């Protein structure tokens, strides 16, 4: 039996994976950039430590292990991007979307036209 929704699902999955890849590149670019402060870089690290921590600090009604771990990681990453310098975030997003600009350098030179005469 053929599922008519299969092409739509695969396109959605491909779009999700493409966005995840872009976000990963943004997070890594911010994490490795020297303009982002060490305190801001500590936020995603704490989110990952919360995920690794075997003791959940939340009480049982709020402790839904996979959901609260994923929420802590995603909120940490969102806060990390929001607290990073906005111009740096915009520049990295532009670079990720459109590629690096290699024509930023201006070369001042003279030229002459050679004829084939």
PDB file of N, CA and C in Angstrom:
ATOM      1  N   UNK A   1       0.843  -1.177   0.000  1.00  0.00           N
ATOM      2  CA  UNK A   1       0.000   0.000   0.000  1.00  0.00           C
ATOM      3  C   UNK A   1       0.892   1.246   0.000  1.00  0.00           C
ATOM      4  N   UNK A   2       0.602   2.187  -0.862  1.00  0.00           N
ATOM      5  CA  UNK A   2       1.405   3.398  -0.992  1.00  0.00           C
ATOM      6  C   UNK A   2       0.796   4.500  -0.133  1.00  0.00           C
ATOM      7  N   UNK A   3       1.633   5.155   0.611  1.00  0.00           N
ATOM      8  CA  UNK A   3       1.200   6.250   1.463  1.00  0.00           C
ATOM      9  C   UNK A   3       1.358   7.561   0.689  1.00  0.00           C
ATOM     10  N   UNK A   4       0.239   8.276   0.429  1.00  0.00           N
ATOM     11  CA  UNK A   4       0.290   9.527  -0.325  1.00  0.00           C
ATOM     12  C   UNK A   4       1.027  10.629   0.429  1.00  0.00           C
ATOM     13  N   UNK A   5       1.124  10.518   1.730  1.00  0.00           N
ATOM     14  CA  UNK A   5       1.777  11.540   2.536  1.00  0.00           C
ATOM     15  C   UNK A   5       3.293  11.349   2.615  1.00  0.00           C
ATOM     16  N   UNK A   6       3.809  10.271   2.088  1.00  0.00           N
ATOM     17  CA  UNK A   6       5.242   9.985   2.206  1.00  0.00           C
ATOM     18  C   UNK A   6       6.129  11.087   1.629  1.00  0.00           C
ATOM     19  N   UNK A   7       5.871  11.626   0.408  1.00  0.00           N
ATOM     20  CA  UNK A   7       6.728  12.710  -0.088  1.00  0.00           C
ATOM     21  C   UNK A   7       6.677  13.953   0.799  1.00  0.00           C
ATOM     22  N   UNK A   8       5.502  14.249   1.345  1.00  0.00           N
ATOM     23  CA  UNK A   8       5.365  15.413   2.224  1.00  0.00           C
ATOM     24  C   UNK A   8       6.159  15.188   3.501  1.00  0.00           C
ATOM     25  N   UNK A   9       6.075  13.994   4.069  1.00  0.00           N
ATOM     26  CA  UNK A   9       6.811  13.690   5.296  1.00  0.00           C
ATOM     27  C   UNK A   9       8.308  13.754   5.068  1.00  0.00           C
ATOM     28  N   UNK A  10       8.774  13.241   3.951  1.00  0.00           N
ATOM     29  CA  UNK A  10      10.208  13.265   3.696  1.00  0.00           C
ATOM     30  C   UNK A  10      10.705  14.691   3.466  1.00  0.00           C
ATOM     31  N   UNK A  11       9.899  15.539   2.826  1.00  0.00           N
ATOM     32  CA  UNK A  11      10.281  16.943   2.653  1.00  0.00           C
ATOM     33  C   UNK A  11      10.326  17.664   3.991  1.00  0.00           C
ATOM     34  N   UNK A  12       9.346  17.360   4.846  1.00  0.00           N
ATOM     35  CA  UNK A  12       9.335  17.978   6.172  1.00  0.00           C
ATOM     36  C   UNK A  12      10.554  17.537   6.971  1.00  0.00           C
ATOM     37  N   UNK A  13      10.887  16.256   6.901  1.00  0.00           N
ATOM     38  CA  UNK A  13      12.039  15.732   7.625  1.00  0.00           C
ATOM     39  C   UNK A  13      13.330  16.359   7.094  1.00  0.00           C
ATOM     40  N   UNK A  14      13.439  16.508   5.776  1.00  0.00           N
ATOM     41  CA  UNK A  14      14.630  17.116   5.180  1.00  0.00           C
ATOM     42  C   UNK A  14      14.744  18.579   5.596  1.00  0.00           C
ATOM     43  N   UNK A  15      13.616  19.287   5.635  1.00  0.00           N
ATOM     44  CA  UNK A  15      13.626  20.682   6.080  1.00  0.00           C
ATOM     45  C   UNK A  15      14.020  20.807   7.539  1.00  0.00           C
ATOM     46  N   UNK A  16      13.512  19.904   8.362  1.00  0.00           N
ATOM     47  CA  UNK A  16      13.872  19.902   9.781  1.00  0.00           C
ATOM     48  C   UNK A  16      15.363  19.659   9.965  1.00  0.00           C
ATOM     49  N   UNK A  17      15.898  18.698   9.228  1.00  0.00           N
ATOM     50  CA  UNK A  17      17.322  18.382   9.347  1.00  0.00           C
ATOM     51  C   UNK A  17      18.188  19.543   8.833  1.00  0.00           C
ATOM     52  N   UNK A  18      17.746  20.220   7.785  1.00  0.00           N
ATOM     53  CA  UNK A  18      18.497  21.367   7.272  1.00  0.00           C
ATOM     54  C   UNK A  18      18.521  22.500   8.296  1.00  0.00           C
ATOM     55  N   UNK A  19      17.377  22.767   8.938  1.00  0.00           N
ATOM     56  CA  UNK A  19      17.326  23.810   9.969  1.00  0.00           C
ATOM     57  C   UNK A  19      18.167  23.423  11.186  1.00  0.00           C
ATOM     58  N   UNK A  20      18.126  22.154  11.552  1.00  0.00           N
ATOM     59  CA  UNK A  20      18.937  21.692  12.677  1.00  0.00           C
ATOM     60  C   UNK A  20      20.418  21.872  12.376  1.00  0.00           C
ATOM     61  N   UNK A  21      20.824  21.586  11.151  1.00  0.00           N
ATOM     62  CA  UNK A  21      22.226  21.762  10.751  1.00  0.00           C
ATOM     63  C   UNK A  21      22.617  23.236  10.803  1.00  0.00           C
ATOM     64  N   UNK A  22      21.750  24.117  10.314  1.00  0.00           N
ATOM     65  CA  UNK A  22      22.036  25.556  10.358  1.00  0.00           C
ATOM     66  C   UNK A  22      22.161  26.042  11.799  1.00  0.00           C
ATOM     67  N   UNK A  23      21.230  25.584  12.653  1.00  0.00           N
ATOM     68  CA  UNK A  23      21.291  26.001  14.049  1.00  0.00           C
ATOM     69  C   UNK A  23      22.537  25.466  14.731  1.00  0.00           C
ATOM     70  N   UNK A  24      22.920  24.233  14.422  1.00  0.00           N
ATOM     71  CA  UNK A  24      24.133  23.671  15.012  1.00  0.00           C
ATOM     72  C   UNK A  24      25.357  24.509  14.612  1.00  0.00           C
ATOM     73  N   UNK A  25      25.421  24.915  13.346  1.00  0.00           N
ATOM     74  CA  UNK A  25      26.531  25.743  12.890  1.00  0.00           C
ATOM     75  C   UNK A  25      26.523  27.097  13.591  1.00  0.00           C
ATOM     76  N   UNK A  26      25.329  27.659  13.817  1.00  0.00           N
ATOM     77  CA  UNK A  26      25.225  28.933  14.536  1.00  0.00           C
ATOM     78  C   UNK A  26      25.696  28.772  15.968  1.00  0.00           C
ATOM     79  N   UNK A  27      25.215  27.725  16.666  1.00  0.00           N
ATOM     80  CA  UNK A  27      25.619  27.499  18.061  1.00  0.00           C
ATOM     81  C   UNK A  27      27.115  27.295  18.171  1.00  0.00           C
ATOM     82  N   UNK A  28      27.676  26.488  17.275  1.00  0.00           N
ATOM     83  CA  UNK A  28      29.108  26.219  17.333  1.00  0.00           C
ATOM     84  C   UNK A  28      29.913  27.482  16.994  1.00  0.00           C
ATOM     85  N   UNK A  29      29.437  28.245  16.015  1.00  0.00           N
ATOM     86  CA  UNK A  29      30.113  29.490  15.662  1.00  0.00           C
ATOM     87  C   UNK A  29      30.123  30.479  16.814  1.00  0.00           C
ATOM     88  N   UNK A  30      29.009  30.592  17.521  1.00  0.00           N
ATOM     89  CA  UNK A  30      28.951  31.472  18.683  1.00  0.00           C
ATOM     90  C   UNK A  30      29.805  30.939  19.830  1.00  0.00           C
ATOM     91  N   UNK A  31      29.764  29.627  20.022  1.00  0.00           N
ATOM     92  CA  UNK A  31      30.505  29.033  21.139  1.00  0.00           C
ATOM     93  C   UNK A  31      32.010  29.188  20.958  1.00  0.00           C
ATOM     94  N   UNK A  32      32.479  29.162  19.733  1.00  0.00           N
ATOM     95  CA  UNK A  32      33.915  29.263  19.485  1.00  0.00           C
ATOM     96  C   UNK A  32      34.382  30.689  19.209  1.00  0.00           C
ATOM     97  N   UNK A  33      33.459  31.647  19.133  1.00  0.00           N
ATOM     98  CA  UNK A  33      33.850  33.025  18.821  1.00  0.00           C
ATOM     99  C   UNK A  33      34.337  33.746  20.077  1.00  0.00           C
ATOM    100  N   UNK A  34      35.432  34.488  19.968  1.00  0.00           N
ATOM    101  CA  UNK A  34      35.979  35.160  21.149  1.00  0.00           C
ATOM    102  C   UNK A  34      35.139  36.330  21.658  1.00  0.00           C
ATOM    103  N   UNK A  35      34.227  36.873  20.845  1.00  0.00           N
ATOM    104  CA  UNK A  35      33.412  38.009  21.299  1.00  0.00           C
ATOM    105  C   UNK A  35      32.302  37.597  22.259  1.00  0.00           C
ATOM    106  N   UNK A  36      31.947  36.322  22.289  1.00  0.00           N
ATOM    107  CA  UNK A  36      30.898  35.854  23.193  1.00  0.00           C
ATOM    108  C   UNK A  36      31.550  35.602  24.557  1.00  0.00           C
ATOM    109  N   UNK A  37      30.963  36.172  25.595  1.00  0.00           N
ATOM    110  CA  UNK A  37      31.586  36.080  26.917  1.00  0.00           C
ATOM    111  C   UNK A  37      31.550  34.655  27.459  1.00  0.00           C
ATOM    112  N   UNK A  38      32.438  34.411  28.382  1.00  0.00           N
ATOM    113  CA  UNK A  38      32.552  33.085  28.982  1.00  0.00           C
ATOM    114  C   UNK A  38      31.288  32.726  29.768  1.00  0.00           C
ATOM    115  N   UNK A  39      30.663  33.712  30.401  1.00  0.00           N
ATOM    116  CA  UNK A  39      29.428  33.438  31.148  1.00  0.00           C
ATOM    117  C   UNK A  39      28.292  33.008  30.226  1.00  0.00           C
ATOM    118  N   UNK A  40      28.221  33.619  29.061  1.00  0.00           N
ATOM    119  CA  UNK A  40      27.185  33.239  28.096  1.00  0.00           C
ATOM    120  C   UNK A  40      27.475  31.843  27.547  1.00  0.00           C
ATOM    121  N   UNK A  41      28.748  31.538  27.342  1.00  0.00           N
ATOM    122  CA  UNK A  41      29.122  30.212  26.854  1.00  0.00           C
ATOM    123  C   UNK A  41      28.844  29.124  27.884  1.00  0.00           C
ATOM    124  N   UNK A  42      28.720  29.520  29.130  1.00  0.00           N
ATOM    125  CA  UNK A  42      28.445  28.562  30.192  1.00  0.00           C
ATOM    126  C   UNK A  42      27.002  28.050  30.151  1.00  0.00           C
ATOM    127  N   UNK A  43      26.090  28.808  29.542  1.00  0.00           N
ATOM    128  CA  UNK A  43      24.667  28.441  29.511  1.00  0.00           C
ATOM    129  C   UNK A  43      24.430  27.104  28.801  1.00  0.00           C
ATOM    130  N   UNK A  44      24.905  26.896  27.563  1.00  0.00           N
ATOM    131  CA  UNK A  44      24.656  25.587  26.947  1.00  0.00           C
ATOM    132  C   UNK A  44      25.392  24.449  27.657  1.00  0.00           C
ATOM    133  N   UNK A  45      26.530  24.763  28.265  1.00  0.00           N
ATOM    134  CA  UNK A  45      27.260  23.738  29.014  1.00  0.00           C
ATOM    135  C   UNK A  45      26.424  23.281  30.208  1.00  0.00           C
ATOM    136  N   UNK A  46      25.794  24.221  30.896  1.00  0.00           N
ATOM    137  CA  UNK A  46      24.936  23.865  32.035  1.00  0.00           C
ATOM    138  C   UNK A  46      23.718  23.065  31.579  1.00  0.00           C
ATOM    139  N   UNK A  47      23.180  23.396  30.404  1.00  0.00           N
ATOM    140  CA  UNK A  47      22.071  22.615  29.868  1.00  0.00           C
ATOM    141  C   UNK A  47      22.467  21.172  29.604  1.00  0.00           C
ATOM    142  N   UNK A  48      23.656  20.973  29.065  1.00  0.00           N
ATOM    143  CA  UNK A  48      24.146  19.613  28.819  1.00  0.00           C
ATOM    144  C   UNK A  48      24.442  18.882  30.128  1.00  0.00           C
ATOM    145  N   UNK A  49      24.966  19.613  31.106  1.00  0.00           N
ATOM    146  CA  UNK A  49      25.218  18.988  32.414  1.00  0.00           C
ATOM    147  C   UNK A  49      23.914  18.565  33.084  1.00  0.00           C
ATOM    148  N   UNK A  50      22.864  19.353  32.894  1.00  0.00           N
ATOM    149  CA  UNK A  50      21.556  18.979  33.430  1.00  0.00           C
ATOM    150  C   UNK A  50      21.086  17.672  32.800  1.00  0.00           C
ATOM    151  N   UNK A  51      21.357  17.510  31.507  1.00  0.00           N
ATOM    152  CA  UNK A  51      20.964  16.294  30.791  1.00  0.00           C
ATOM    153  C   UNK A  51      21.754  15.089  31.296  1.00  0.00           C
ATOM    154  N   UNK A  52      23.033  15.278  31.559  1.00  0.00           N
ATOM    155  CA  UNK A  52      23.886  14.178  32.004  1.00  0.00           C
ATOM    156  C   UNK A  52      23.663  13.831  33.475  1.00  0.00           C
ATOM    157  N   UNK A  53      23.258  14.804  34.271  1.00  0.00           N
ATOM    158  CA  UNK A  53      23.096  14.633  35.713  1.00  0.00           C
ATOM    159  C   UNK A  53      22.122  13.494  36.031  1.00  0.00           C
ATOM    160  N   UNK A  54      22.550  12.501  36.827  1.00  0.00           N
ATOM    161  CA  UNK A  54      21.650  11.385  37.145  1.00  0.00           C
ATOM    162  C   UNK A  54      20.563  11.760  38.155  1.00  0.00           C
ATOM    163  N   UNK A  55      20.741  12.843  38.884  1.00  0.00           N
ATOM    164  CA  UNK A  55      19.764  13.259  39.892  1.00  0.00           C
ATOM    165  C   UNK A  55      18.957  14.422  39.315  1.00  0.00           C
ATOM    166  N   UNK A  56      17.647  14.241  39.177  1.00  0.00           N
ATOM    167  CA  UNK A  56      16.798  15.312  38.668  1.00  0.00           C
ATOM    168  C   UNK A  56      16.396  16.233  39.809  1.00  0.00           C
ATOM    169  N   UNK A  57      16.649  17.539  39.667  1.00  0.00           N
ATOM    170  CA  UNK A  57      16.297  18.468  40.735  1.00  0.00           C
ATOM    171  C   UNK A  57      14.809  18.824  40.778  1.00  0.00           C
ATOM    172  N   UNK A  58      14.048  18.453  39.766  1.00  0.00           N
ATOM    173  CA  UNK A  58      12.620  18.782  39.738  1.00  0.00           C
ATOM    174  C   UNK A  58      11.817  17.763  40.532  1.00  0.00           C
ATOM    175  N   UNK A  59      10.744  18.214  41.189  1.00  0.00           N
ATOM    176  CA  UNK A  59       9.886  17.276  41.915  1.00  0.00           C
ATOM    177  C   UNK A  59       9.143  16.350  40.943  1.00  0.00           C
ATOM    178  N   UNK A  60       8.635  15.216  41.414  1.00  0.00           N
ATOM    179  CA  UNK A  60       8.013  14.207  40.540  1.00  0.00           C
ATOM    180  C   UNK A  60       6.933  14.680  39.571  1.00  0.00           C
ATOM    181  N   UNK A  61       6.016  15.585  39.923  1.00  0.00           N
ATOM    182  CA  UNK A  61       5.027  15.953  38.894  1.00  0.00           C
ATOM    183  C   UNK A  61       5.657  16.660  37.688  1.00  0.00           C
ATOM    184  N   UNK A  62       6.739  17.397  37.915  1.00  0.00           N
ATOM    185  CA  UNK A  62       7.396  18.114  36.824  1.00  0.00           C
ATOM    186  C   UNK A  62       8.504  17.294  36.187  1.00  0.00           C
ATOM    187  N   UNK A  63       8.883  16.212  36.829  1.00  0.00           N
ATOM    188  CA  UNK A  63      10.002  15.416  36.359  1.00  0.00           C
ATOM    189  C   UNK A  63       9.529  14.382  35.335  1.00  0.00           C
ATOM    190  N   UNK A  64       9.521  14.777  34.091  1.00  0.00           N
ATOM    191  CA  UNK A  64       9.215  13.861  32.986  1.00  0.00           C
ATOM    192  C   UNK A  64      10.524  13.723  32.223  1.00  0.00           C
ATOM    193  N   UNK A  65      11.360  12.831  32.648  1.00  0.00           N
ATOM    194  CA  UNK A  65      12.771  12.757  32.314  1.00  0.00           C
ATOM    195  C   UNK A  65      13.146  13.181  30.900  1.00  0.00           C
ATOM    196  N   UNK A  66      12.667  12.555  29.825  1.00  0.00           N
ATOM    197  CA  UNK A  66      13.142  13.000  28.510  1.00  0.00           C
ATOM    198  C   UNK A  66      12.654  14.395  28.137  1.00  0.00           C
ATOM    199  N   UNK A  67      11.452  14.743  28.572  1.00  0.00           N
ATOM    200  CA  UNK A  67      10.876  16.026  28.183  1.00  0.00           C
ATOM    201  C   UNK A  67      11.562  17.178  28.908  1.00  0.00           C
ATOM    202  N   UNK A  68      11.780  17.045  30.213  1.00  0.00           N
ATOM    203  CA  UNK A  68      12.413  18.150  30.932  1.00  0.00           C
ATOM    204  C   UNK A  68      13.882  18.289  30.552  1.00  0.00           C
ATOM    205  N   UNK A  69      14.547  17.189  30.223  1.00  0.00           N
ATOM    206  CA  UNK A  69      15.933  17.279  29.755  1.00  0.00           C
ATOM    207  C   UNK A  69      16.006  18.015  28.421  1.00  0.00           C
ATOM    208  N   UNK A  70      15.143  17.660  27.488  1.00  0.00           N
ATOM    209  CA  UNK A  70      15.121  18.321  26.190  1.00  0.00           C
ATOM    210  C   UNK A  70      14.747  19.794  26.335  1.00  0.00           C
ATOM    211  N   UNK A  71      13.808  20.089  27.221  1.00  0.00           N
ATOM    212  CA  UNK A  71      13.410  21.479  27.460  1.00  0.00           C
ATOM    213  C   UNK A  71      14.573  22.286  28.013  1.00  0.00           C
ATOM    214  N   UNK A  72      15.322  21.723  28.956  1.00  0.00           N
ATOM    215  CA  UNK A  72      16.473  22.431  29.530  1.00  0.00           C
ATOM    216  C   UNK A  72      17.521  22.715  28.464  1.00  0.00           C
ATOM    217  N   UNK A  73      17.785  21.749  27.600  1.00  0.00           N
ATOM    218  CA  UNK A  73      18.782  21.946  26.551  1.00  0.00           C
ATOM    219  C   UNK A  73      18.321  23.009  25.556  1.00  0.00           C
ATOM    220  N   UNK A  74      17.067  22.913  25.101  1.00  0.00           N
ATOM    221  CA  UNK A  74      16.569  23.867  24.105  1.00  0.00           C
ATOM    222  C   UNK A  74      16.460  25.282  24.666  1.00  0.00           C
ATOM    223  N   UNK A  75      15.995  25.413  25.909  1.00  0.00           N
ATOM    224  CA  UNK A  75      15.932  26.744  26.528  1.00  0.00           C
ATOM    225  C   UNK A  75      17.327  27.319  26.738  1.00  0.00           C
ATOM    226  N   UNK A  76      18.264  26.468  27.111  1.00  0.00           N
ATOM    227  CA  UNK A  76      19.639  26.924  27.270  1.00  0.00           C
ATOM    228  C   UNK A  76      20.227  27.427  25.966  1.00  0.00           C
ATOM    229  N   UNK A  77      19.975  26.698  24.876  1.00  0.00           N
ATOM    230  CA  UNK A  77      20.491  27.126  23.579  1.00  0.00           C
ATOM    231  C   UNK A  77      19.814  28.403  23.094  1.00  0.00           C
ATOM    232  N   UNK A  78      18.513  28.519  23.325  1.00  0.00           N
ATOM    233  CA  UNK A  78      17.776  29.742  22.955  1.00  0.00           C
ATOM    234  C   UNK A  78      18.321  30.943  23.732  1.00  0.00           C
ATOM    235  N   UNK A  79      18.519  30.772  25.028  1.00  0.00           N
ATOM    236  CA  UNK A  79      19.060  31.847  25.860  1.00  0.00           C
ATOM    237  C   UNK A  79      20.486  32.186  25.436  1.00  0.00           C
ATOM    238  N   UNK A  80      21.257  31.190  25.080  1.00  0.00           N
ATOM    239  CA  UNK A  80      22.627  31.386  24.611  1.00  0.00           C
ATOM    240  C   UNK A  80      22.654  32.282  23.374  1.00  0.00           C
ATOM    241  N   UNK A  81      21.779  32.023  22.420  1.00  0.00           N
ATOM    242  CA  UNK A  81      21.729  32.839  21.200  1.00  0.00           C
ATOM    243  C   UNK A  81      21.218  34.245  21.523  1.00  0.00           C
ATOM    244  N   UNK A  82      20.214  34.338  22.385  1.00  0.00           N
ATOM    245  CA  UNK A  82      19.641  35.647  22.716  1.00  0.00           C
ATOM    246  C   UNK A  82      20.628  36.542  23.460  1.00  0.00           C
ATOM    247  N   UNK A  83      21.497  35.962  24.284  1.00  0.00           N
ATOM    248  CA  UNK A  83      22.451  36.757  25.061  1.00  0.00           C
ATOM    249  C   UNK A  83      23.763  37.004  24.328  1.00  0.00           C
ATOM    250  N   UNK A  84      23.942  36.389  23.182  1.00  0.00           N
ATOM    251  CA  UNK A  84      25.138  36.638  22.367  1.00  0.00           C
ATOM    252  C   UNK A  84      24.988  37.981  21.664  1.00  0.00           C
ATOM    253  N   UNK A  85      26.102  38.605  21.246  1.00  0.00           N
ATOM    254  CA  UNK A  85      26.000  39.899  20.553  1.00  0.00           C
ATOM    255  C   UNK A  85      25.123  39.799  19.301  1.00  0.00           C
ATOM    256  N   UNK A  86      24.086  40.649  19.205  1.00  0.00           N
ATOM    257  CA  UNK A  86      23.136  40.551  18.090  1.00  0.00           C
ATOM    258  C   UNK A  86      23.776  40.713  16.710  1.00  0.00           C
ATOM    259  N   UNK A  87      24.765  41.605  16.595  1.00  0.00           N
ATOM    260  CA  UNK A  87      25.405  41.779  15.292  1.00  0.00           C
ATOM    261  C   UNK A  87      26.212  40.545  14.893  1.00  0.00           C
ATOM    262  N   UNK A  88      26.784  39.878  15.865  1.00  0.00           N
ATOM    263  CA  UNK A  88      27.522  38.645  15.587  1.00  0.00           C
ATOM    264  C   UNK A  88      26.569  37.524  15.165  1.00  0.00           C
ATOM    265  N   UNK A  89      25.435  37.425  15.847  1.00  0.00           N
ATOM    266  CA  UNK A  89      24.430  36.414  15.492  1.00  0.00           C
ATOM    267  C   UNK A  89      23.928  36.653  14.069  1.00  0.00           C
ATOM    268  N   UNK A  90      23.648  37.923  13.742  1.00  0.00           N
ATOM    269  CA  UNK A  90      23.166  38.253  12.394  1.00  0.00           C
ATOM    270  C   UNK A  90      24.231  37.939  11.344  1.00  0.00           C
ATOM    271  N   UNK A  91      25.485  38.255  11.636  1.00  0.00           N
ATOM    272  CA  UNK A  91      26.563  37.985  10.674  1.00  0.00           C
ATOM    273  C   UNK A  91      26.746  36.481  10.468  1.00  0.00           C
ATOM    274  N   UNK A  92      26.698  35.713  11.549  1.00  0.00           N
ATOM    275  CA  UNK A  92      26.840  34.257  11.416  1.00  0.00           C
ATOM    276  C   UNK A  92      25.663  33.646  10.671  1.00  0.00           C
ATOM    277  N   UNK A  93      24.450  34.120  10.957  1.00  0.00           N
ATOM    278  CA  UNK A  93      23.279  33.609  10.231  1.00  0.00           C
ATOM    279  C   UNK A  93      23.382  33.927   8.743  1.00  0.00           C
ATOM    280  N   UNK A  94      23.839  35.124   8.417  1.00  0.00           N
ATOM    281  CA  UNK A  94      24.006  35.500   7.015  1.00  0.00           C
ATOM    282  C   UNK A  94      25.064  34.624   6.355  1.00  0.00           C
ATOM    283  N   UNK A  95      26.169  34.388   7.052  1.00  0.00           N
ATOM    284  CA  UNK A  95      27.231  33.547   6.508  1.00  0.00           C
ATOM    285  C   UNK A  95      26.754  32.109   6.305  1.00  0.00           C
ATOM    286  N   UNK A  96      25.963  31.605   7.244  1.00  0.00           N
ATOM    287  CA  UNK A  96      25.448  30.240   7.131  1.00  0.00           C
ATOM    288  C   UNK A  96      24.463  30.137   5.971  1.00  0.00           C
ATOM    289  N   UNK A  97      23.621  31.143   5.813  1.00  0.00           N
ATOM    290  CA  UNK A  97      22.591  31.104   4.772  1.00  0.00           C
ATOM    291  C   UNK A  97      23.163  31.329   3.370  1.00  0.00           C
ATOM    292  N   UNK A  98      24.064  32.289   3.255  1.00  0.00           N
ATOM    293  CA  UNK A  98      24.525  32.692   1.923  1.00  0.00           C
ATOM    294  C   UNK A  98      25.997  32.390   1.654  1.00  0.00           C
ATOM    295  N   UNK A  99      26.712  31.893   2.613  1.00  0.00           N
ATOM    296  CA  UNK A  99      28.135  31.617   2.438  1.00  0.00           C
ATOM    297  C   UNK A  99      28.969  32.816   2.853  1.00  0.00           C
ATOM    298  N   UNK A 100      30.246  32.567   3.007  1.00  0.00           N
ATOM    299  CA  UNK A 100      31.159  33.628   3.439  1.00  0.00           C
ATOM    300  C   UNK A 100      31.418  34.600   2.287  1.00  0.00           C
ATOM    301  N   UNK A 101      31.465  35.871   2.616  1.00  0.00           N
ATOM    302  CA  UNK A 101      31.798  36.888   1.626  1.00  0.00           C
ATOM    303  C   UNK A 101      33.313  36.933   1.473  1.00  0.00           C
ATOM    304  N   UNK A 102      33.791  36.592   0.305  1.00  0.00           N
ATOM    305  CA  UNK A 102      35.227  36.613   0.069  1.00  0.00           C
ATOM    306  C   UNK A 102      35.660  37.878  -0.651  1.00  0.00           C
ATOM    307  N   UNK A 103      34.715  38.715  -1.048  1.00  0.00           N
ATOM    308  CA  UNK A 103      35.047  39.929  -1.787  1.00  0.00           C
ATOM    309  C   UNK A 103      35.040  41.162  -0.900  1.00  0.00           C
ATOM    310  N   UNK A 104      35.363  41.011   0.367  1.00  0.00           N
ATOM    311  CA  UNK A 104      35.384  42.152   1.268  1.00  0.00           C
ATOM    312  C   UNK A 104      36.623  43.022   1.058  1.00  0.00           C
ATOM    313  N   UNK A 105      37.675  42.450   0.535  1.00  0.00           N
ATOM    314  CA  UNK A 105      38.927  43.162   0.383  1.00  0.00           C
ATOM    315  C   UNK A 105      38.926  43.931  -0.940  1.00  0.00           C
ATOM    316  N   UNK A 106      39.312  45.195  -0.883  1.00  0.00           N
ATOM    317  CA  UNK A 106      39.409  46.027  -2.071  1.00  0.00           C
ATOM    318  C   UNK A 106      40.879  46.135  -2.448  1.00  0.00           C
ATOM    319  N   UNK A 107      41.174  45.854  -3.687  1.00  0.00           N
ATOM    320  CA  UNK A 107      42.543  45.951  -4.170  1.00  0.00           C
ATOM    321  C   UNK A 107      42.640  47.182  -5.054  1.00  0.00           C
ATOM    322  N   UNK A 108      43.462  48.143  -4.655  1.00  0.00           N
ATOM    323  CA  UNK A 108      43.651  49.367  -5.415  1.00  0.00           C
ATOM    324  C   UNK A 108      44.780  49.128  -6.405  1.00  0.00           C
ATOM    325  N   UNK A 109      44.460  49.215  -7.679  1.00  0.00           N
ATOM    326  CA  UNK A 109      45.469  48.950  -8.701  1.00  0.00           C
ATOM    327  C   UNK A 109      45.146  49.747  -9.953  1.00  0.00           C
ATOM    328  N   UNK A 110      46.133  49.858 -10.816  1.00  0.00           N
ATOM    329  CA  UNK A 110      45.897  50.490 -12.108  1.00  0.00           C
ATOM    330  C   UNK A 110      45.866  49.399 -13.177  1.00  0.00           C
ATOM    331  N   UNK A 111      45.297  49.732 -14.317  1.00  0.00           N
ATOM    332  CA  UNK A 111      45.204  48.754 -15.389  1.00  0.00           C
ATOM    333  C   UNK A 111      45.351  49.468 -16.729  1.00  0.00           C
ATOM    334  N   UNK A 112      45.609  48.684 -17.735  1.00  0.00           N
ATOM    335  CA  UNK A 112      45.618  49.222 -19.088  1.00  0.00           C
ATOM    336  C   UNK A 112      44.978  48.192 -20.016  1.00  0.00           C
ATOM    337  N   UNK A 113      44.343  48.651 -21.038  1.00  0.00           N
ATOM    338  CA  UNK A 113      43.655  47.799 -21.983  1.00  0.00           C
ATOM    339  C   UNK A 113      44.609  47.480 -23.114  1.00  0.00           C
ATOM    340  N   UNK A 114      44.759  46.210 -23.412  1.00  0.00           N
ATOM    341  CA  UNK A 114      45.605  45.792 -24.519  1.00  0.00           C
ATOM    342  C   UNK A 114      44.709  45.431 -25.704  1.00  0.00           C
ATOM    343  N   UNK A 115      44.995  46.003 -26.858  1.00  0.00           N
ATOM    344  CA  UNK A 115      44.227  45.698 -28.064  1.00  0.00           C
ATOM    345  C   UNK A 115      44.896  44.557 -28.792  1.00  0.00           C
ATOM    346  N   UNK A 116      44.121  43.832 -29.562  1.00  0.00           N
ATOM    347  CA  UNK A 116      44.638  42.712 -30.333  1.00  0.00           C
ATOM    348  C   UNK A 116      45.201  43.179 -31.681  1.00  0.00           C
ATOM    349  N   UNK A 117      45.423  44.455 -31.890  1.00  0.00           N
ATOM    350  CA  UNK A 117      45.891  44.994 -33.168  1.00  0.00           C
ATOM    351  C   UNK A 117      47.211  44.442 -33.587  1.00  0.00           C
TER     352      UNK A 117
END
